[in-house]
Amino acid sequence: MQICMDWRSISFDWNQVRGFLATVEEGSLSAAARALGLTQPTLGRQVAGLEAALGVTLFERIGKTLVLTGPGLELLEQTRAMGEAASRISLTATGQSQTIAGHVRLSVSDSFAAYILPPIMARLARIAPGIIAEVVVSNALSDLRRREADIAIRHVRPTEPDLIARLIRTDHAHLYAAPAYIRRHGLPASIDDTEGALFVGVDQSPAMIDYLATHGLHLTPKNFRFYCENIVVGWEMVKQGLAIGVMSEDIAGRTEGVTRILPEFTPIQVPVWLTTHRELHTSARIRLVYDLLAEELR
């Protein structure tokens, strides 16, 4: 079934569309309600109102999961651009106001701070020159409830009920090596042939070895000659040809001179969650930075 939409003849409001998009993005009514700062019954009424206005069913419930129907998928294609446009309009309108000023503290991982964040900060400086951005670099989770940061970019979903979180996208991490490593050591013929391969580790606990085993890569401590908890330093080791390393597509794609290897390695999912405290989300400067990050990271 296809939706033949004549926008002039359909009566619904933007809140309904926003609720629909958030439900798709978050995967459930409860998560979407938290992301929008609404109650679940309110969001449910918005989605139901949109379905009534269109005369179609947008979601099917399979167990505890909401699955888009055919009309829901078509509507998603047509309304996602509306959501992105609304975000851009909001940013433009807010960015033109030179009165928005003040301190905003961002908590991000070291690799994200080094490779992803700088061009976003450059745009923020153009849009809102009165905002002072402090980047807190930490691979640990900042406690937003204790105001260790105003906004956090995390790779795990927050569970605190008073936080607002949005899953911006999901990146994937693969194995990479530099030409210098390949010349000196060659490459394993397959994912099962890693006896002499060298890897960069985060620390000397068995956790990383156990985790990589769940993705089909079976290593021993002998495979690790280099360790560093700082992901940026570890990635520099990979770039210099010292060892093989794991890195997200996003960062590896911005790095010249590294090659993805062992394609049979099961990619590691790297979700990107944008998180802030519910109270801070009402602040003009926090909202501006939050929306800018959401648009740029998407």
C-alpha atoms as a PDB file:
ATOM      1  CA  MET A   1       0.000   0.000   0.000  1.00  0.00           C
ATOM      2  CA  GLN A   2       1.338   3.404  -0.917  1.00  0.00           C
ATOM      3  CA  ILE A   3       0.531   6.734   0.661  1.00  0.00           C
ATOM      4  CA  CYS A   4      -0.506   9.268  -1.940  1.00  0.00           C
ATOM      5  CA  MET A   5      -0.113  12.433   0.068  1.00  0.00           C
ATOM      6  CA  ASP A   6      -1.636  15.751  -0.816  1.00  0.00           C
ATOM      7  CA  TRP A   7      -0.223  17.843   2.015  1.00  0.00           C
ATOM      8  CA  ARG A   8      -2.835  20.547   1.439  1.00  0.00           C
ATOM      9  CA  SER A   9      -5.707  18.169   2.151  1.00  0.00           C
ATOM     10  CA  ILE A  10      -4.292  16.416   5.249  1.00  0.00           C
ATOM     11  CA  SER A  11      -4.767  18.002   8.653  1.00  0.00           C
ATOM     12  CA  PHE A  12      -2.050  17.244  11.207  1.00  0.00           C
ATOM     13  CA  ASP A  13       0.497  19.277  13.120  1.00  0.00           C
ATOM     14  CA  TRP A  14       4.277  19.230  13.306  1.00  0.00           C
ATOM     15  CA  ASN A  15       4.229  17.715  16.805  1.00  0.00           C
ATOM     16  CA  GLN A  16       2.655  14.579  15.344  1.00  0.00           C
ATOM     17  CA  VAL A  17       5.344  14.288  12.682  1.00  0.00           C
ATOM     18  CA  ARG A  18       8.065  14.967  15.241  1.00  0.00           C
ATOM     19  CA  GLY A  19       6.607  12.265  17.485  1.00  0.00           C
ATOM     20  CA  PHE A  20       6.547   9.801  14.580  1.00  0.00           C
ATOM     21  CA  LEU A  21      10.173  10.543  13.657  1.00  0.00           C
ATOM     22  CA  ALA A  22      11.326  10.243  17.269  1.00  0.00           C
ATOM     23  CA  THR A  23       9.556   6.889  17.641  1.00  0.00           C
ATOM     24  CA  VAL A  24      11.307   5.566  14.535  1.00  0.00           C
ATOM     25  CA  GLU A  25      14.652   6.922  15.716  1.00  0.00           C
ATOM     26  CA  GLU A  26      14.408   5.635  19.289  1.00  0.00           C
ATOM     27  CA  GLY A  27      12.669   2.339  18.507  1.00  0.00           C
ATOM     28  CA  SER A  28       9.894   2.581  21.093  1.00  0.00           C
ATOM     29  CA  LEU A  29       7.281   4.998  22.403  1.00  0.00           C
ATOM     30  CA  SER A  30       8.841   5.080  25.857  1.00  0.00           C
ATOM     31  CA  ALA A  31      12.329   5.930  24.564  1.00  0.00           C
ATOM     32  CA  ALA A  32      10.942   8.509  22.139  1.00  0.00           C
ATOM     33  CA  ALA A  33       8.911  10.115  24.903  1.00  0.00           C
ATOM     34  CA  ARG A  34      12.047  10.438  27.045  1.00  0.00           C
ATOM     35  CA  ALA A  35      13.979  11.946  24.144  1.00  0.00           C
ATOM     36  CA  LEU A  36      11.260  14.550  23.532  1.00  0.00           C
ATOM     37  CA  GLY A  37      10.575  15.243  27.188  1.00  0.00           C
ATOM     38  CA  LEU A  38       6.974  13.991  26.922  1.00  0.00           C
ATOM     39  CA  THR A  39       4.939  11.358  28.695  1.00  0.00           C
ATOM     40  CA  GLN A  40       4.426   8.102  26.826  1.00  0.00           C
ATOM     41  CA  PRO A  41       0.596   8.528  26.661  1.00  0.00           C
ATOM     42  CA  THR A  42       1.039  12.013  25.142  1.00  0.00           C
ATOM     43  CA  LEU A  43       3.409  10.718  22.494  1.00  0.00           C
ATOM     44  CA  GLY A  44       1.098   7.749  21.832  1.00  0.00           C
ATOM     45  CA  ARG A  45      -1.772  10.150  21.192  1.00  0.00           C
ATOM     46  CA  GLN A  46       0.365  12.142  18.773  1.00  0.00           C
ATOM     47  CA  VAL A  47       1.269   9.050  16.737  1.00  0.00           C
ATOM     48  CA  ALA A  48      -2.328   7.819  16.842  1.00  0.00           C
ATOM     49  CA  GLY A  49      -3.498  11.250  15.698  1.00  0.00           C
ATOM     50  CA  LEU A  50      -1.138  11.126  12.736  1.00  0.00           C
ATOM     51  CA  GLU A  51      -2.388   7.643  11.814  1.00  0.00           C
ATOM     52  CA  ALA A  52      -5.989   8.875  12.041  1.00  0.00           C
ATOM     53  CA  ALA A  53      -5.242  11.912   9.884  1.00  0.00           C
ATOM     54  CA  LEU A  54      -3.600   9.752   7.209  1.00  0.00           C
ATOM     55  CA  GLY A  55      -5.997   6.825   7.528  1.00  0.00           C
ATOM     56  CA  VAL A  56      -3.172   4.261   7.731  1.00  0.00           C
ATOM     57  CA  THR A  57      -1.346   2.156  10.323  1.00  0.00           C
ATOM     58  CA  LEU A  58       2.256   3.317  10.698  1.00  0.00           C
ATOM     59  CA  PHE A  59       3.574   0.774  13.228  1.00  0.00           C
ATOM     60  CA  GLU A  60       3.001  -2.880  13.996  1.00  0.00           C
ATOM     61  CA  ARG A  61       3.892  -4.226  17.422  1.00  0.00           C
ATOM     62  CA  ILE A  62       5.900  -7.453  17.301  1.00  0.00           C
ATOM     63  CA  GLY A  63       6.556  -8.533  20.872  1.00  0.00           C
ATOM     64  CA  LYS A  64       7.965  -5.443  22.570  1.00  0.00           C
ATOM     65  CA  THR A  65       9.243  -3.969  19.312  1.00  0.00           C
ATOM     66  CA  LEU A  66       7.568  -1.443  17.036  1.00  0.00           C
ATOM     67  CA  VAL A  67       8.067  -2.193  13.338  1.00  0.00           C
ATOM     68  CA  LEU A  68       7.259   0.232  10.547  1.00  0.00           C
ATOM     69  CA  THR A  69       4.555  -0.845   8.131  1.00  0.00           C
ATOM     70  CA  GLY A  70       4.807  -0.204   4.390  1.00  0.00           C
ATOM     71  CA  PRO A  71       2.957   3.127   4.698  1.00  0.00           C
ATOM     72  CA  GLY A  72       5.141   3.960   7.681  1.00  0.00           C
ATOM     73  CA  LEU A  73       8.302   3.443   5.640  1.00  0.00           C
ATOM     74  CA  GLU A  74       6.963   5.647   2.852  1.00  0.00           C
ATOM     75  CA  LEU A  75       5.967   8.339   5.323  1.00  0.00           C
ATOM     76  CA  LEU A  76       9.434   8.165   6.899  1.00  0.00           C
ATOM     77  CA  GLU A  77      11.049   8.909   3.552  1.00  0.00           C
ATOM     78  CA  GLN A  78       8.815  11.926   3.014  1.00  0.00           C
ATOM     79  CA  THR A  79       9.010  13.391   6.517  1.00  0.00           C
ATOM     80  CA  ARG A  80      12.663  12.805   7.430  1.00  0.00           C
ATOM     81  CA  ALA A  81      13.630  15.692   5.169  1.00  0.00           C
ATOM     82  CA  MET A  82      11.055  17.823   6.994  1.00  0.00           C
ATOM     83  CA  GLY A  83      12.712  17.024  10.320  1.00  0.00           C
ATOM     84  CA  GLU A  84      16.162  17.892   9.030  1.00  0.00           C
ATOM     85  CA  ALA A  85      14.843  21.126   7.505  1.00  0.00           C
ATOM     86  CA  ALA A  86      13.178  22.071  10.788  1.00  0.00           C
ATOM     87  CA  SER A  87      16.462  21.492  12.593  1.00  0.00           C
ATOM     88  CA  ARG A  88      18.327  23.682  10.112  1.00  0.00           C
ATOM     89  CA  ILE A  89      15.711  26.429  10.409  1.00  0.00           C
ATOM     90  CA  SER A  90      15.980  26.301  14.186  1.00  0.00           C
ATOM     91  CA  LEU A  91      19.756  26.494  14.051  1.00  0.00           C
ATOM     92  CA  THR A  92      19.714  29.351  11.570  1.00  0.00           C
ATOM     93  CA  ALA A  93      17.184  31.356  13.507  1.00  0.00           C
ATOM     94  CA  THR A  94      18.963  30.795  16.797  1.00  0.00           C
ATOM     95  CA  GLY A  95      22.412  31.305  15.350  1.00  0.00           C
ATOM     96  CA  GLN A  96      21.492  34.720  14.004  1.00  0.00           C
ATOM     97  CA  SER A  97      20.885  35.910  17.551  1.00  0.00           C
ATOM     98  CA  GLN A  98      24.171  37.292  18.819  1.00  0.00           C
ATOM     99  CA  THR A  99      22.721  37.504  22.333  1.00  0.00           C
ATOM    100  CA  ILE A 100      23.122  33.762  22.926  1.00  0.00           C
ATOM    101  CA  ALA A 101      26.285  33.522  24.946  1.00  0.00           C
ATOM    102  CA  GLY A 102      27.800  31.623  27.816  1.00  0.00           C
ATOM    103  CA  HIS A 103      29.712  28.515  28.753  1.00  0.00           C
ATOM    104  CA  VAL A 104      28.896  25.040  27.397  1.00  0.00           C
ATOM    105  CA  ARG A 105      30.866  21.995  28.524  1.00  0.00           C
ATOM    106  CA  LEU A 106      31.034  18.979  26.183  1.00  0.00           C
ATOM    107  CA  SER A 107      32.179  15.528  27.265  1.00  0.00           C
ATOM    108  CA  VAL A 108      33.591  13.383  24.451  1.00  0.00           C
ATOM    109  CA  SER A 109      36.023  10.518  23.986  1.00  0.00           C
ATOM    110  CA  ASP A 110      39.615  11.278  23.016  1.00  0.00           C
ATOM    111  CA  SER A 111      39.324   9.978  19.450  1.00  0.00           C
ATOM    112  CA  PHE A 112      36.050  11.815  18.884  1.00  0.00           C
ATOM    113  CA  ALA A 113      37.534  15.040  20.248  1.00  0.00           C
ATOM    114  CA  ALA A 114      40.592  14.782  18.026  1.00  0.00           C
ATOM    115  CA  TYR A 115      39.096  13.669  14.721  1.00  0.00           C
ATOM    116  CA  ILE A 116      35.371  14.496  14.619  1.00  0.00           C
ATOM    117  CA  LEU A 117      34.697  17.505  16.813  1.00  0.00           C
ATOM    118  CA  PRO A 118      37.020  20.291  15.511  1.00  0.00           C
ATOM    119  CA  PRO A 119      35.092  21.163  12.298  1.00  0.00           C
ATOM    120  CA  ILE A 120      31.836  21.153  14.272  1.00  0.00           C
ATOM    121  CA  MET A 121      33.358  23.589  16.769  1.00  0.00           C
ATOM    122  CA  ALA A 122      34.426  25.791  13.857  1.00  0.00           C
ATOM    123  CA  ARG A 123      30.825  25.994  12.669  1.00  0.00           C
ATOM    124  CA  LEU A 124      29.633  26.707  16.202  1.00  0.00           C
ATOM    125  CA  ALA A 125      32.063  29.618  16.393  1.00  0.00           C
ATOM    126  CA  ARG A 126      30.555  31.077  13.218  1.00  0.00           C
ATOM    127  CA  ILE A 127      26.938  30.557  14.283  1.00  0.00           C
ATOM    128  CA  ALA A 128      27.198  31.685  17.905  1.00  0.00           C
ATOM    129  CA  PRO A 129      30.463  33.532  18.610  1.00  0.00           C
ATOM    130  CA  GLY A 130      29.289  34.327  22.144  1.00  0.00           C
ATOM    131  CA  ILE A 131      29.357  30.691  23.236  1.00  0.00           C
ATOM    132  CA  ILE A 132      32.445  29.495  25.084  1.00  0.00           C
ATOM    133  CA  ALA A 133      32.868  25.763  24.440  1.00  0.00           C
ATOM    134  CA  GLU A 134      34.880  23.643  26.848  1.00  0.00           C
ATOM    135  CA  VAL A 135      35.699  20.132  25.634  1.00  0.00           C
ATOM    136  CA  VAL A 136      36.157  17.601  28.429  1.00  0.00           C
ATOM    137  CA  VAL A 137      38.107  14.703  26.936  1.00  0.00           C
ATOM    138  CA  SER A 138      37.417  11.447  28.720  1.00  0.00           C
ATOM    139  CA  ASN A 139      36.776   7.861  27.740  1.00  0.00           C
ATOM    140  CA  ALA A 140      34.811   7.441  30.977  1.00  0.00           C
ATOM    141  CA  LEU A 141      31.157   8.463  31.273  1.00  0.00           C
ATOM    142  CA  SER A 142      30.736  11.970  32.660  1.00  0.00           C
ATOM    143  CA  ASP A 143      28.024  12.362  35.272  1.00  0.00           C
ATOM    144  CA  LEU A 144      25.651  14.871  33.710  1.00  0.00           C
ATOM    145  CA  ARG A 145      23.423  14.839  36.778  1.00  0.00           C
ATOM    146  CA  ARG A 146      26.321  16.267  38.794  1.00  0.00           C
ATOM    147  CA  ARG A 147      27.050  18.794  36.041  1.00  0.00           C
ATOM    148  CA  GLU A 148      30.399  17.302  35.053  1.00  0.00           C
ATOM    149  CA  ALA A 149      29.286  18.267  31.552  1.00  0.00           C
ATOM    150  CA  ASP A 150      26.301  19.904  29.871  1.00  0.00           C
ATOM    151  CA  ILE A 151      26.266  17.632  26.822  1.00  0.00           C
ATOM    152  CA  ALA A 152      27.913  14.243  26.330  1.00  0.00           C
ATOM    153  CA  ILE A 153      28.585  12.226  23.200  1.00  0.00           C
ATOM    154  CA  ARG A 154      28.497   8.619  24.334  1.00  0.00           C
ATOM    155  CA  HIS A 155      28.798   5.220  22.716  1.00  0.00           C
ATOM    156  CA  VAL A 156      26.433   3.560  25.181  1.00  0.00           C
ATOM    157  CA  ARG A 157      22.803   4.395  25.844  1.00  0.00           C
ATOM    158  CA  PRO A 158      22.285   6.304  29.097  1.00  0.00           C
ATOM    159  CA  THR A 159      19.909   4.745  31.584  1.00  0.00           C
ATOM    160  CA  GLU A 160      19.352   7.682  33.949  1.00  0.00           C
ATOM    161  CA  PRO A 161      15.686   8.750  33.752  1.00  0.00           C
ATOM    162  CA  ASP A 162      16.450  12.476  34.038  1.00  0.00           C
ATOM    163  CA  LEU A 163      18.667  12.514  30.955  1.00  0.00           C
ATOM    164  CA  ILE A 164      17.560  13.208  27.402  1.00  0.00           C
ATOM    165  CA  ALA A 165      19.329  11.047  24.821  1.00  0.00           C
ATOM    166  CA  ARG A 166      19.147  10.731  21.074  1.00  0.00           C
ATOM    167  CA  LEU A 167      20.698   7.953  19.002  1.00  0.00           C
ATOM    168  CA  ILE A 168      22.226   9.986  16.192  1.00  0.00           C
ATOM    169  CA  ARG A 169      23.596   7.091  14.163  1.00  0.00           C
ATOM    170  CA  THR A 170      25.490   3.823  14.421  1.00  0.00           C
ATOM    171  CA  ASP A 171      29.029   3.627  13.071  1.00  0.00           C
ATOM    172  CA  HIS A 172      30.978   0.381  12.625  1.00  0.00           C
ATOM    173  CA  ALA A 173      34.559  -0.449  13.572  1.00  0.00           C
ATOM    174  CA  HIS A 174      36.856  -2.672  11.520  1.00  0.00           C
ATOM    175  CA  LEU A 175      40.490  -3.776  11.511  1.00  0.00           C
ATOM    176  CA  TYR A 176      43.068  -1.512   9.848  1.00  0.00           C
ATOM    177  CA  ALA A 177      46.776  -1.577   9.070  1.00  0.00           C
ATOM    178  CA  ALA A 178      49.247   0.839   7.498  1.00  0.00           C
ATOM    179  CA  PRO A 179      51.473   0.037   4.487  1.00  0.00           C
ATOM    180  CA  ALA A 180      54.587   0.048   6.710  1.00  0.00           C
ATOM    181  CA  TYR A 181      53.139  -2.753   8.841  1.00  0.00           C
ATOM    182  CA  ILE A 182      52.106  -4.742   5.789  1.00  0.00           C
ATOM    183  CA  ARG A 183      55.615  -4.462   4.292  1.00  0.00           C
ATOM    184  CA  ARG A 184      57.333  -5.599   7.493  1.00  0.00           C
ATOM    185  CA  HIS A 185      54.962  -8.241   8.760  1.00  0.00           C
ATOM    186  CA  GLY A 186      52.593  -9.122   5.941  1.00  0.00           C
ATOM    187  CA  LEU A 187      48.939  -9.741   6.650  1.00  0.00           C
ATOM    188  CA  PRO A 188      47.149 -12.774   8.061  1.00  0.00           C
ATOM    189  CA  ALA A 189      45.734 -14.860   5.247  1.00  0.00           C
ATOM    190  CA  SER A 190      42.439 -15.121   7.114  1.00  0.00           C
ATOM    191  CA  ILE A 191      40.863 -14.191  10.418  1.00  0.00           C
ATOM    192  CA  ASP A 192      41.945 -17.603  11.737  1.00  0.00           C
ATOM    193  CA  ASP A 193      45.594 -17.040  10.769  1.00  0.00           C
ATOM    194  CA  THR A 194      46.735 -14.427  13.304  1.00  0.00           C
ATOM    195  CA  GLU A 195      49.469 -16.279  15.217  1.00  0.00           C
ATOM    196  CA  GLY A 196      52.225 -13.834  14.226  1.00  0.00           C
ATOM    197  CA  ALA A 197      50.134 -10.699  13.817  1.00  0.00           C
ATOM    198  CA  LEU A 198      50.673  -7.690  16.086  1.00  0.00           C
ATOM    199  CA  PHE A 199      47.810  -5.642  17.511  1.00  0.00           C
ATOM    200  CA  VAL A 200      47.442  -2.490  19.593  1.00  0.00           C
ATOM    201  CA  GLY A 201      45.595  -3.119  22.858  1.00  0.00           C
ATOM    202  CA  VAL A 202      43.833  -0.766  25.252  1.00  0.00           C
ATOM    203  CA  ASP A 203      45.169  -2.422  28.409  1.00  0.00           C
ATOM    204  CA  GLN A 204      46.553  -5.769  29.535  1.00  0.00           C
ATOM    205  CA  SER A 205      43.334  -7.161  30.959  1.00  0.00           C
ATOM    206  CA  PRO A 206      41.793 -10.130  29.118  1.00  0.00           C
ATOM    207  CA  ALA A 207      38.608  -8.128  28.430  1.00  0.00           C
ATOM    208  CA  MET A 208      39.647  -6.918  24.968  1.00  0.00           C
ATOM    209  CA  ILE A 209      40.811 -10.381  23.878  1.00  0.00           C
ATOM    210  CA  ASP A 210      37.531 -11.868  25.080  1.00  0.00           C
ATOM    211  CA  TYR A 211      35.517  -9.155  23.337  1.00  0.00           C
ATOM    212  CA  LEU A 212      37.327  -9.565  20.002  1.00  0.00           C
ATOM    213  CA  ALA A 213      36.711 -13.315  20.231  1.00  0.00           C
ATOM    214  CA  THR A 214      32.961 -12.623  20.134  1.00  0.00           C
ATOM    215  CA  HIS A 215      33.578 -10.992  16.741  1.00  0.00           C
ATOM    216  CA  GLY A 216      35.475 -13.985  15.397  1.00  0.00           C
ATOM    217  CA  LEU A 217      39.027 -12.768  16.068  1.00  0.00           C
ATOM    218  CA  HIS A 218      40.839 -15.174  18.399  1.00  0.00           C
ATOM    219  CA  LEU A 219      44.047 -13.674  19.790  1.00  0.00           C
ATOM    220  CA  THR A 220      46.407 -14.339  22.699  1.00  0.00           C
ATOM    221  CA  PRO A 221      48.520 -11.925  24.793  1.00  0.00           C
ATOM    222  CA  LYS A 222      51.436 -12.706  22.455  1.00  0.00           C
ATOM    223  CA  ASN A 223      49.625 -10.768  19.709  1.00  0.00           C
ATOM    224  CA  PHE A 224      49.843  -7.540  21.737  1.00  0.00           C
ATOM    225  CA  ARG A 225      53.200  -5.777  21.860  1.00  0.00           C
ATOM    226  CA  PHE A 226      51.736  -2.279  22.318  1.00  0.00           C
ATOM    227  CA  TYR A 227      49.118  -0.974  24.745  1.00  0.00           C
ATOM    228  CA  CYS A 228      47.605   2.453  25.311  1.00  0.00           C
ATOM    229  CA  GLU A 229      44.354   3.542  26.942  1.00  0.00           C
ATOM    230  CA  ASN A 230      44.402   6.712  24.828  1.00  0.00           C
ATOM    231  CA  ILE A 231      42.710   5.771  21.552  1.00  0.00           C
ATOM    232  CA  VAL A 232      44.358   8.664  19.663  1.00  0.00           C
ATOM    233  CA  VAL A 233      47.838   7.453  20.627  1.00  0.00           C
ATOM    234  CA  GLY A 234      46.909   3.878  19.743  1.00  0.00           C
ATOM    235  CA  TRP A 235      45.653   5.008  16.336  1.00  0.00           C
ATOM    236  CA  GLU A 236      48.935   6.874  15.741  1.00  0.00           C
ATOM    237  CA  MET A 237      50.739   3.581  16.399  1.00  0.00           C
ATOM    238  CA  VAL A 238      48.604   1.983  13.698  1.00  0.00           C
ATOM    239  CA  LYS A 239      49.325   4.842  11.283  1.00  0.00           C
ATOM    240  CA  GLN A 240      53.072   4.442  11.889  1.00  0.00           C
ATOM    241  CA  GLY A 241      52.875   0.754  11.009  1.00  0.00           C
ATOM    242  CA  LEU A 242      53.596  -0.660  14.468  1.00  0.00           C
ATOM    243  CA  ALA A 243      50.539  -2.897  14.640  1.00  0.00           C
ATOM    244  CA  ILE A 244      46.994  -3.624  13.503  1.00  0.00           C
ATOM    245  CA  GLY A 245      44.225  -1.656  15.210  1.00  0.00           C
ATOM    246  CA  VAL A 246      40.468  -1.407  15.544  1.00  0.00           C
ATOM    247  CA  MET A 247      38.872   1.883  14.492  1.00  0.00           C
ATOM    248  CA  SER A 248      35.492   3.223  13.453  1.00  0.00           C
ATOM    249  CA  GLU A 249      34.747   3.757   9.781  1.00  0.00           C
ATOM    250  CA  ASP A 250      34.117   7.428  10.442  1.00  0.00           C
ATOM    251  CA  ILE A 251      37.609   8.093  11.755  1.00  0.00           C
ATOM    252  CA  ALA A 252      39.416   5.593   9.515  1.00  0.00           C
ATOM    253  CA  GLY A 253      37.740   7.198   6.493  1.00  0.00           C
ATOM    254  CA  ARG A 254      39.327  10.526   7.463  1.00  0.00           C
ATOM    255  CA  THR A 255      42.784   8.942   7.830  1.00  0.00           C
ATOM    256  CA  GLU A 256      45.106   8.666   4.834  1.00  0.00           C
ATOM    257  CA  GLY A 257      47.406   5.691   4.510  1.00  0.00           C
ATOM    258  CA  VAL A 258      45.473   3.001   6.371  1.00  0.00           C
ATOM    259  CA  THR A 259      43.821  -0.029   4.802  1.00  0.00           C
ATOM    260  CA  ARG A 260      40.923  -2.073   6.049  1.00  0.00           C
ATOM    261  CA  ILE A 261      41.963  -5.709   6.410  1.00  0.00           C
ATOM    262  CA  LEU A 262      40.370  -9.078   7.175  1.00  0.00           C
ATOM    263  CA  PRO A 263      36.897  -8.314   5.807  1.00  0.00           C
ATOM    264  CA  GLU A 264      35.504 -11.462   7.451  1.00  0.00           C
ATOM    265  CA  PHE A 265      35.963  -9.770  10.851  1.00  0.00           C
ATOM    266  CA  THR A 266      32.485  -9.076  12.243  1.00  0.00           C
ATOM    267  CA  PRO A 267      32.190  -5.271  12.475  1.00  0.00           C
ATOM    268  CA  ILE A 268      31.813  -3.759  15.927  1.00  0.00           C
ATOM    269  CA  GLN A 269      28.804  -1.487  16.247  1.00  0.00           C
ATOM    270  CA  VAL A 270      29.636   1.984  17.551  1.00  0.00           C
ATOM    271  CA  PRO A 271      26.433   3.842  18.447  1.00  0.00           C
ATOM    272  CA  VAL A 272      26.626   7.618  18.824  1.00  0.00           C
ATOM    273  CA  TRP A 273      24.329   8.891  21.583  1.00  0.00           C
ATOM    274  CA  LEU A 274      23.860  12.606  22.160  1.00  0.00           C
ATOM    275  CA  THR A 275      22.913  13.201  25.788  1.00  0.00           C
ATOM    276  CA  THR A 276      22.038  16.139  28.018  1.00  0.00           C
ATOM    277  CA  HIS A 277      20.213  16.732  31.277  1.00  0.00           C
ATOM    278  CA  ARG A 278      16.486  17.375  30.949  1.00  0.00           C
ATOM    279  CA  GLU A 279      16.748  20.730  32.719  1.00  0.00           C
ATOM    280  CA  LEU A 280      19.650  21.941  30.606  1.00  0.00           C
ATOM    281  CA  HIS A 281      17.747  21.089  27.423  1.00  0.00           C
ATOM    282  CA  THR A 282      15.582  24.163  28.054  1.00  0.00           C
ATOM    283  CA  SER A 283      18.607  26.496  27.979  1.00  0.00           C
ATOM    284  CA  ALA A 284      18.940  28.415  24.709  1.00  0.00           C
ATOM    285  CA  ARG A 285      22.690  27.964  24.434  1.00  0.00           C
ATOM    286  CA  ILE A 286      22.575  24.273  25.422  1.00  0.00           C
ATOM    287  CA  ARG A 287      19.749  23.680  22.944  1.00  0.00           C
ATOM    288  CA  LEU A 288      21.665  25.421  20.159  1.00  0.00           C
ATOM    289  CA  VAL A 289      24.811  23.338  20.701  1.00  0.00           C
ATOM    290  CA  TYR A 290      22.777  20.141  21.116  1.00  0.00           C
ATOM    291  CA  ASP A 291      20.880  20.714  17.855  1.00  0.00           C
ATOM    292  CA  LEU A 292      24.059  21.650  15.994  1.00  0.00           C
ATOM    293  CA  LEU A 293      25.770  18.454  17.137  1.00  0.00           C
ATOM    294  CA  ALA A 294      22.711  16.407  16.152  1.00  0.00           C
ATOM    295  CA  GLU A 295      22.706  17.899  12.657  1.00  0.00           C
ATOM    296  CA  GLU A 296      26.458  17.618  12.076  1.00  0.00           C
ATOM    297  CA  LEU A 297      26.858  14.112  13.503  1.00  0.00           C
ATOM    298  CA  ARG A 298      23.919  12.702  11.574  1.00  0.00           C
END
